[in-house]
Amino acid sequence: MPGQVNVLLMAGDRYLAANLLYVRSIISVGKGAAHFKARAELQVQTAIFNPRHEDNYYQTAASLPWEGFVEQGQFILGQARNSRSRDPWPSFYEGFSEYYFIENYERAAELLLVSAERSTGNNSALFKDIAAKWISQGSSYTLALAMVQDLQENTKSDLTKNQLGLRILRLKNLIALELAVTKFNPVSYTHLTL
């Protein structure tokens, strides 16, 4: 049933419709791709009607990407991140999916920095440390270095500053190694045939 029909049946209450859609998604029974596709659609509709729905985004992070519905999961987590301005967890889960499933390390690190901004104390430092690790795996060591240096300048924790200092040294070494490899131009054997 289309989501708008659910809103109509709930006398125009989109939050009640979102709750109904969410309950339908978690009690649905079935196996296979068709079942998970229907479940993903119910959870997407839930996020449209109530992007702040906490149970929906937790359930999404725990199931949809792992069943192959990464795009739908990212949509739901993005809706939660945008509507829950003090909650660090939607951006963390969204960042994890960017890192693990999509392998977009720069975007994953950016999302973790959103989580860091929405956290305090040790959690904020932990999110920044993870972001620094993730950005270091990206394709641009220069971008990673700039980000890690910025993190080091803006952190108050001496322990985190020292850890980031080691990461900065590693990235500088990787940049130097990359530069040395590109300057070394071995003889090309591409014209030879076997």
C-alpha atoms as a PDB file:
ATOM      1  CA  MET A   1       0.000   0.000   0.000  1.00  0.00           C
ATOM      2  CA  PRO A   2       1.462   3.411  -0.899  1.00  0.00           C
ATOM      3  CA  GLY A   3       2.650   5.517   2.027  1.00  0.00           C
ATOM      4  CA  GLN A   4       0.222   8.336   1.261  1.00  0.00           C
ATOM      5  CA  VAL A   5      -2.674   5.904   1.704  1.00  0.00           C
ATOM      6  CA  ASN A   6      -1.328   5.071   5.171  1.00  0.00           C
ATOM      7  CA  VAL A   7      -1.318   8.773   6.055  1.00  0.00           C
ATOM      8  CA  LEU A   8      -4.890   9.095   4.803  1.00  0.00           C
ATOM      9  CA  LEU A   9      -5.971   6.075   6.864  1.00  0.00           C
ATOM     10  CA  MET A  10      -4.338   7.627   9.942  1.00  0.00           C
ATOM     11  CA  ALA A  11      -6.447  10.793   9.541  1.00  0.00           C
ATOM     12  CA  GLY A  12      -3.508  12.747   8.141  1.00  0.00           C
ATOM     13  CA  ASP A  13      -1.142  11.956  11.033  1.00  0.00           C
ATOM     14  CA  ARG A  14       2.166  11.252   9.307  1.00  0.00           C
ATOM     15  CA  TYR A  15       3.876  10.269  12.569  1.00  0.00           C
ATOM     16  CA  LEU A  16       1.259   7.627  13.290  1.00  0.00           C
ATOM     17  CA  ALA A  17       1.561   6.436   9.685  1.00  0.00           C
ATOM     18  CA  ALA A  18       5.351   6.259  10.107  1.00  0.00           C
ATOM     19  CA  ASN A  19       4.925   4.144  13.233  1.00  0.00           C
ATOM     20  CA  LEU A  20       2.518   1.828  11.435  1.00  0.00           C
ATOM     21  CA  LEU A  21       4.907   1.444   8.495  1.00  0.00           C
ATOM     22  CA  TYR A  22       7.807   0.749  10.833  1.00  0.00           C
ATOM     23  CA  VAL A  23       5.864  -1.899  12.764  1.00  0.00           C
ATOM     24  CA  ARG A  24       4.900  -3.526   9.456  1.00  0.00           C
ATOM     25  CA  SER A  25       8.571  -3.595   8.448  1.00  0.00           C
ATOM     26  CA  ILE A  26       9.739  -5.367  11.596  1.00  0.00           C
ATOM     27  CA  ILE A  27       6.918  -7.902  11.825  1.00  0.00           C
ATOM     28  CA  SER A  28       6.990  -8.855   8.155  1.00  0.00           C
ATOM     29  CA  VAL A  29       7.928 -12.468   7.668  1.00  0.00           C
ATOM     30  CA  GLY A  30       9.661 -13.821   4.614  1.00  0.00           C
ATOM     31  CA  LYS A  31      12.912 -14.742   2.966  1.00  0.00           C
ATOM     32  CA  GLY A  32      14.833 -13.690  -0.073  1.00  0.00           C
ATOM     33  CA  ALA A  33      15.414 -10.524  -2.025  1.00  0.00           C
ATOM     34  CA  ALA A  34      11.722  -9.699  -2.536  1.00  0.00           C
ATOM     35  CA  HIS A  35      11.087  -9.730   1.198  1.00  0.00           C
ATOM     36  CA  PHE A  36      14.031  -7.455   1.960  1.00  0.00           C
ATOM     37  CA  LYS A  37      13.115  -5.131  -0.901  1.00  0.00           C
ATOM     38  CA  ALA A  38       9.599  -4.709   0.545  1.00  0.00           C
ATOM     39  CA  ARG A  39      11.040  -4.197   4.004  1.00  0.00           C
ATOM     40  CA  ALA A  40      13.483  -1.585   2.705  1.00  0.00           C
ATOM     41  CA  GLU A  41      10.635   0.274   1.006  1.00  0.00           C
ATOM     42  CA  LEU A  42       8.604   0.309   4.235  1.00  0.00           C
ATOM     43  CA  GLN A  43      11.568   1.718   6.117  1.00  0.00           C
ATOM     44  CA  VAL A  44      12.192   4.360   3.446  1.00  0.00           C
ATOM     45  CA  GLN A  45       8.540   5.442   3.689  1.00  0.00           C
ATOM     46  CA  THR A  46       8.887   5.561   7.476  1.00  0.00           C
ATOM     47  CA  ALA A  47      11.865   7.914   7.089  1.00  0.00           C
ATOM     48  CA  ILE A  48       9.935  10.118   4.671  1.00  0.00           C
ATOM     49  CA  PHE A  49       7.025  10.547   7.073  1.00  0.00           C
ATOM     50  CA  ASN A  50       9.166  10.774  10.218  1.00  0.00           C
ATOM     51  CA  PRO A  51      12.890  11.234   9.532  1.00  0.00           C
ATOM     52  CA  ARG A  52      13.528  11.475  13.284  1.00  0.00           C
ATOM     53  CA  HIS A  53      12.254   7.931  13.928  1.00  0.00           C
ATOM     54  CA  GLU A  54      15.043   6.522  16.103  1.00  0.00           C
ATOM     55  CA  ASP A  55      14.047   2.855  15.949  1.00  0.00           C
ATOM     56  CA  ASN A  56      13.868   3.062  12.161  1.00  0.00           C
ATOM     57  CA  TYR A  57      17.396   4.328  11.720  1.00  0.00           C
ATOM     58  CA  TYR A  58      18.831   1.853  14.238  1.00  0.00           C
ATOM     59  CA  GLN A  59      17.066  -1.039  12.523  1.00  0.00           C
ATOM     60  CA  THR A  60      18.211   0.279   9.151  1.00  0.00           C
ATOM     61  CA  ALA A  61      21.862   0.407  10.196  1.00  0.00           C
ATOM     62  CA  ALA A  62      21.656  -3.119  11.561  1.00  0.00           C
ATOM     63  CA  SER A  63      19.978  -4.745   8.581  1.00  0.00           C
ATOM     64  CA  LEU A  64      19.507  -2.996   5.238  1.00  0.00           C
ATOM     65  CA  PRO A  65      23.126  -2.494   4.112  1.00  0.00           C
ATOM     66  CA  TRP A  66      23.987  -6.040   5.129  1.00  0.00           C
ATOM     67  CA  GLU A  67      21.193  -7.353   2.909  1.00  0.00           C
ATOM     68  CA  GLY A  68      22.368  -5.361  -0.117  1.00  0.00           C
ATOM     69  CA  PHE A  69      20.166  -2.270   0.271  1.00  0.00           C
ATOM     70  CA  VAL A  70      22.946   0.231   0.905  1.00  0.00           C
ATOM     71  CA  GLU A  71      21.343   3.068  -1.083  1.00  0.00           C
ATOM     72  CA  GLN A  72      18.068   2.842   0.838  1.00  0.00           C
ATOM     73  CA  GLY A  73      19.979   2.599   4.104  1.00  0.00           C
ATOM     74  CA  GLN A  74      22.024   5.692   3.301  1.00  0.00           C
ATOM     75  CA  PHE A  75      18.843   7.607   2.450  1.00  0.00           C
ATOM     76  CA  ILE A  76      17.250   6.713   5.800  1.00  0.00           C
ATOM     77  CA  LEU A  77      20.408   7.479   7.776  1.00  0.00           C
ATOM     78  CA  GLY A  78      20.840  10.772   5.904  1.00  0.00           C
ATOM     79  CA  GLN A  79      17.258  11.750   6.768  1.00  0.00           C
ATOM     80  CA  ALA A  80      17.955  10.970  10.434  1.00  0.00           C
ATOM     81  CA  ARG A  81      21.274  12.864  10.378  1.00  0.00           C
ATOM     82  CA  ASN A  82      19.636  15.961   8.912  1.00  0.00           C
ATOM     83  CA  SER A  83      16.683  15.959  11.301  1.00  0.00           C
ATOM     84  CA  ARG A  84      18.406  14.910  14.542  1.00  0.00           C
ATOM     85  CA  SER A  85      20.890  17.753  14.931  1.00  0.00           C
ATOM     86  CA  ARG A  86      22.247  16.640  18.316  1.00  0.00           C
ATOM     87  CA  ASP A  87      22.424  12.897  17.694  1.00  0.00           C
ATOM     88  CA  PRO A  88      25.902  11.630  16.690  1.00  0.00           C
ATOM     89  CA  TRP A  89      24.798   8.115  15.740  1.00  0.00           C
ATOM     90  CA  PRO A  90      23.013   8.518  12.384  1.00  0.00           C
ATOM     91  CA  SER A  91      26.099  10.160  10.870  1.00  0.00           C
ATOM     92  CA  PHE A  92      28.306   7.474  12.437  1.00  0.00           C
ATOM     93  CA  TYR A  93      26.267   4.644  10.896  1.00  0.00           C
ATOM     94  CA  GLU A  94      26.049   6.496   7.588  1.00  0.00           C
ATOM     95  CA  GLY A  95      29.817   7.005   7.674  1.00  0.00           C
ATOM     96  CA  PHE A  96      30.402   3.345   8.468  1.00  0.00           C
ATOM     97  CA  SER A  97      28.342   2.336   5.428  1.00  0.00           C
ATOM     98  CA  GLU A  98      30.307   4.790   3.259  1.00  0.00           C
ATOM     99  CA  TYR A  99      33.518   3.234   4.559  1.00  0.00           C
ATOM    100  CA  TYR A 100      32.606  -0.448   4.566  1.00  0.00           C
ATOM    101  CA  PHE A 101      30.121  -0.901   1.726  1.00  0.00           C
ATOM    102  CA  ILE A 102      30.829   1.990  -0.654  1.00  0.00           C
ATOM    103  CA  GLU A 103      34.557   2.439   0.119  1.00  0.00           C
ATOM    104  CA  ASN A 104      34.308   6.218  -0.072  1.00  0.00           C
ATOM    105  CA  TYR A 105      36.800   6.948   2.693  1.00  0.00           C
ATOM    106  CA  GLU A 106      36.754  10.736   2.392  1.00  0.00           C
ATOM    107  CA  ARG A 107      32.956  10.930   2.720  1.00  0.00           C
ATOM    108  CA  ALA A 108      33.056   8.415   5.584  1.00  0.00           C
ATOM    109  CA  ALA A 109      35.539  10.604   7.454  1.00  0.00           C
ATOM    110  CA  GLU A 110      33.435  13.732   6.839  1.00  0.00           C
ATOM    111  CA  LEU A 111      30.413  12.007   8.344  1.00  0.00           C
ATOM    112  CA  LEU A 112      32.423  10.924  11.372  1.00  0.00           C
ATOM    113  CA  LEU A 113      33.465  14.517  11.908  1.00  0.00           C
ATOM    114  CA  VAL A 114      29.753  15.388  12.054  1.00  0.00           C
ATOM    115  CA  SER A 115      29.450  12.781  14.821  1.00  0.00           C
ATOM    116  CA  ALA A 116      32.442  14.347  16.587  1.00  0.00           C
ATOM    117  CA  GLU A 117      30.831  17.794  16.453  1.00  0.00           C
ATOM    118  CA  ARG A 118      27.668  16.379  18.011  1.00  0.00           C
ATOM    119  CA  SER A 119      29.586  14.642  20.816  1.00  0.00           C
ATOM    120  CA  THR A 120      31.629  15.748  23.792  1.00  0.00           C
ATOM    121  CA  GLY A 121      34.677  14.508  25.648  1.00  0.00           C
ATOM    122  CA  ASN A 122      36.062  11.080  24.861  1.00  0.00           C
ATOM    123  CA  ASN A 123      33.389  10.280  22.269  1.00  0.00           C
ATOM    124  CA  SER A 124      34.306  13.343  20.239  1.00  0.00           C
ATOM    125  CA  ALA A 125      38.009  12.455  20.370  1.00  0.00           C
ATOM    126  CA  LEU A 126      37.239   8.854  19.429  1.00  0.00           C
ATOM    127  CA  PHE A 127      35.163   9.889  16.399  1.00  0.00           C
ATOM    128  CA  LYS A 128      37.973  12.223  15.274  1.00  0.00           C
ATOM    129  CA  ASP A 129      40.542   9.476  15.661  1.00  0.00           C
ATOM    130  CA  ILE A 130      38.467   7.041  13.602  1.00  0.00           C
ATOM    131  CA  ALA A 131      37.905   9.760  10.966  1.00  0.00           C
ATOM    132  CA  ALA A 132      41.658  10.291  10.737  1.00  0.00           C
ATOM    133  CA  LYS A 133      42.211   6.550  10.227  1.00  0.00           C
ATOM    134  CA  TRP A 134      39.540   6.348   7.565  1.00  0.00           C
ATOM    135  CA  ILE A 135      40.719   9.384   5.609  1.00  0.00           C
ATOM    136  CA  SER A 136      44.236   7.912   5.621  1.00  0.00           C
ATOM    137  CA  GLN A 137      42.911   5.000   3.558  1.00  0.00           C
ATOM    138  CA  GLY A 138      41.569   7.309   0.869  1.00  0.00           C
ATOM    139  CA  SER A 139      43.167   7.837  -2.495  1.00  0.00           C
ATOM    140  CA  SER A 140      44.569  11.264  -1.657  1.00  0.00           C
ATOM    141  CA  TYR A 141      47.307  11.269   0.977  1.00  0.00           C
ATOM    142  CA  THR A 142      47.561  15.061   0.659  1.00  0.00           C
ATOM    143  CA  LEU A 143      43.874  15.484   1.518  1.00  0.00           C
ATOM    144  CA  ALA A 144      44.282  13.036   4.393  1.00  0.00           C
ATOM    145  CA  LEU A 145      47.315  14.935   5.692  1.00  0.00           C
ATOM    146  CA  ALA A 146      45.456  18.259   5.644  1.00  0.00           C
ATOM    147  CA  MET A 147      42.534  16.728   7.500  1.00  0.00           C
ATOM    148  CA  VAL A 148      44.673  15.028  10.139  1.00  0.00           C
ATOM    149  CA  GLN A 149      46.717  18.202  10.693  1.00  0.00           C
ATOM    150  CA  ASP A 150      43.484  20.153  11.153  1.00  0.00           C
ATOM    151  CA  LEU A 151      42.256  17.552  13.642  1.00  0.00           C
ATOM    152  CA  GLN A 152      45.525  17.771  15.559  1.00  0.00           C
ATOM    153  CA  GLU A 153      45.366  21.568  15.739  1.00  0.00           C
ATOM    154  CA  ASN A 154      41.788  21.545  17.023  1.00  0.00           C
ATOM    155  CA  THR A 155      41.980  18.767  19.596  1.00  0.00           C
ATOM    156  CA  LYS A 156      42.502  19.470  23.279  1.00  0.00           C
ATOM    157  CA  SER A 157      43.560  15.962  24.279  1.00  0.00           C
ATOM    158  CA  ASP A 158      47.348  15.491  24.508  1.00  0.00           C
ATOM    159  CA  LEU A 159      46.962  11.758  23.884  1.00  0.00           C
ATOM    160  CA  THR A 160      44.966  12.405  20.710  1.00  0.00           C
ATOM    161  CA  LYS A 161      47.501  15.048  19.579  1.00  0.00           C
ATOM    162  CA  ASN A 162      50.320  12.501  19.957  1.00  0.00           C
ATOM    163  CA  GLN A 163      48.390   9.796  18.086  1.00  0.00           C
ATOM    164  CA  LEU A 164      47.569  12.228  15.294  1.00  0.00           C
ATOM    165  CA  GLY A 165      51.234  13.305  15.202  1.00  0.00           C
ATOM    166  CA  LEU A 166      52.219   9.718  14.420  1.00  0.00           C
ATOM    167  CA  ARG A 167      49.588   9.570  11.706  1.00  0.00           C
ATOM    168  CA  ILE A 168      50.894  12.859  10.242  1.00  0.00           C
ATOM    169  CA  LEU A 169      54.407  11.418  10.112  1.00  0.00           C
ATOM    170  CA  ARG A 170      53.109   8.261   8.384  1.00  0.00           C
ATOM    171  CA  LEU A 171      51.179  10.316   5.814  1.00  0.00           C
ATOM    172  CA  LYS A 172      54.197  12.540   5.094  1.00  0.00           C
ATOM    173  CA  ASN A 173      56.267   9.410   4.507  1.00  0.00           C
ATOM    174  CA  LEU A 174      53.591   7.992   2.187  1.00  0.00           C
ATOM    175  CA  ILE A 175      53.487  11.272   0.230  1.00  0.00           C
ATOM    176  CA  ALA A 176      57.289  11.230  -0.109  1.00  0.00           C
ATOM    177  CA  LEU A 177      57.197   7.591  -1.228  1.00  0.00           C
ATOM    178  CA  GLU A 178      54.444   8.306  -3.743  1.00  0.00           C
ATOM    179  CA  LEU A 179      56.431  11.249  -5.119  1.00  0.00           C
ATOM    180  CA  ALA A 180      59.577   9.119  -5.411  1.00  0.00           C
ATOM    181  CA  VAL A 181      57.684   6.390  -7.263  1.00  0.00           C
ATOM    182  CA  THR A 182      56.182   8.842  -9.760  1.00  0.00           C
ATOM    183  CA  LYS A 183      59.597  10.443 -10.389  1.00  0.00           C
ATOM    184  CA  PHE A 184      61.124   7.044 -11.056  1.00  0.00           C
ATOM    185  CA  ASN A 185      60.183   6.267 -14.636  1.00  0.00           C
ATOM    186  CA  PRO A 186      61.131   2.699 -15.454  1.00  0.00           C
ATOM    187  CA  VAL A 187      61.608   1.570 -19.037  1.00  0.00           C
ATOM    188  CA  SER A 188      58.274   0.761 -20.570  1.00  0.00           C
ATOM    189  CA  TYR A 189      57.864  -2.715 -21.945  1.00  0.00           C
ATOM    190  CA  THR A 190      54.304  -2.230 -23.131  1.00  0.00           C
ATOM    191  CA  HIS A 191      55.379  -2.365 -26.781  1.00  0.00           C
ATOM    192  CA  LEU A 192      56.651  -5.935 -26.450  1.00  0.00           C
ATOM    193  CA  THR A 193      54.365  -8.824 -27.263  1.00  0.00           C
ATOM    194  CA  LEU A 194      54.625 -12.415 -26.147  1.00  0.00           C
END
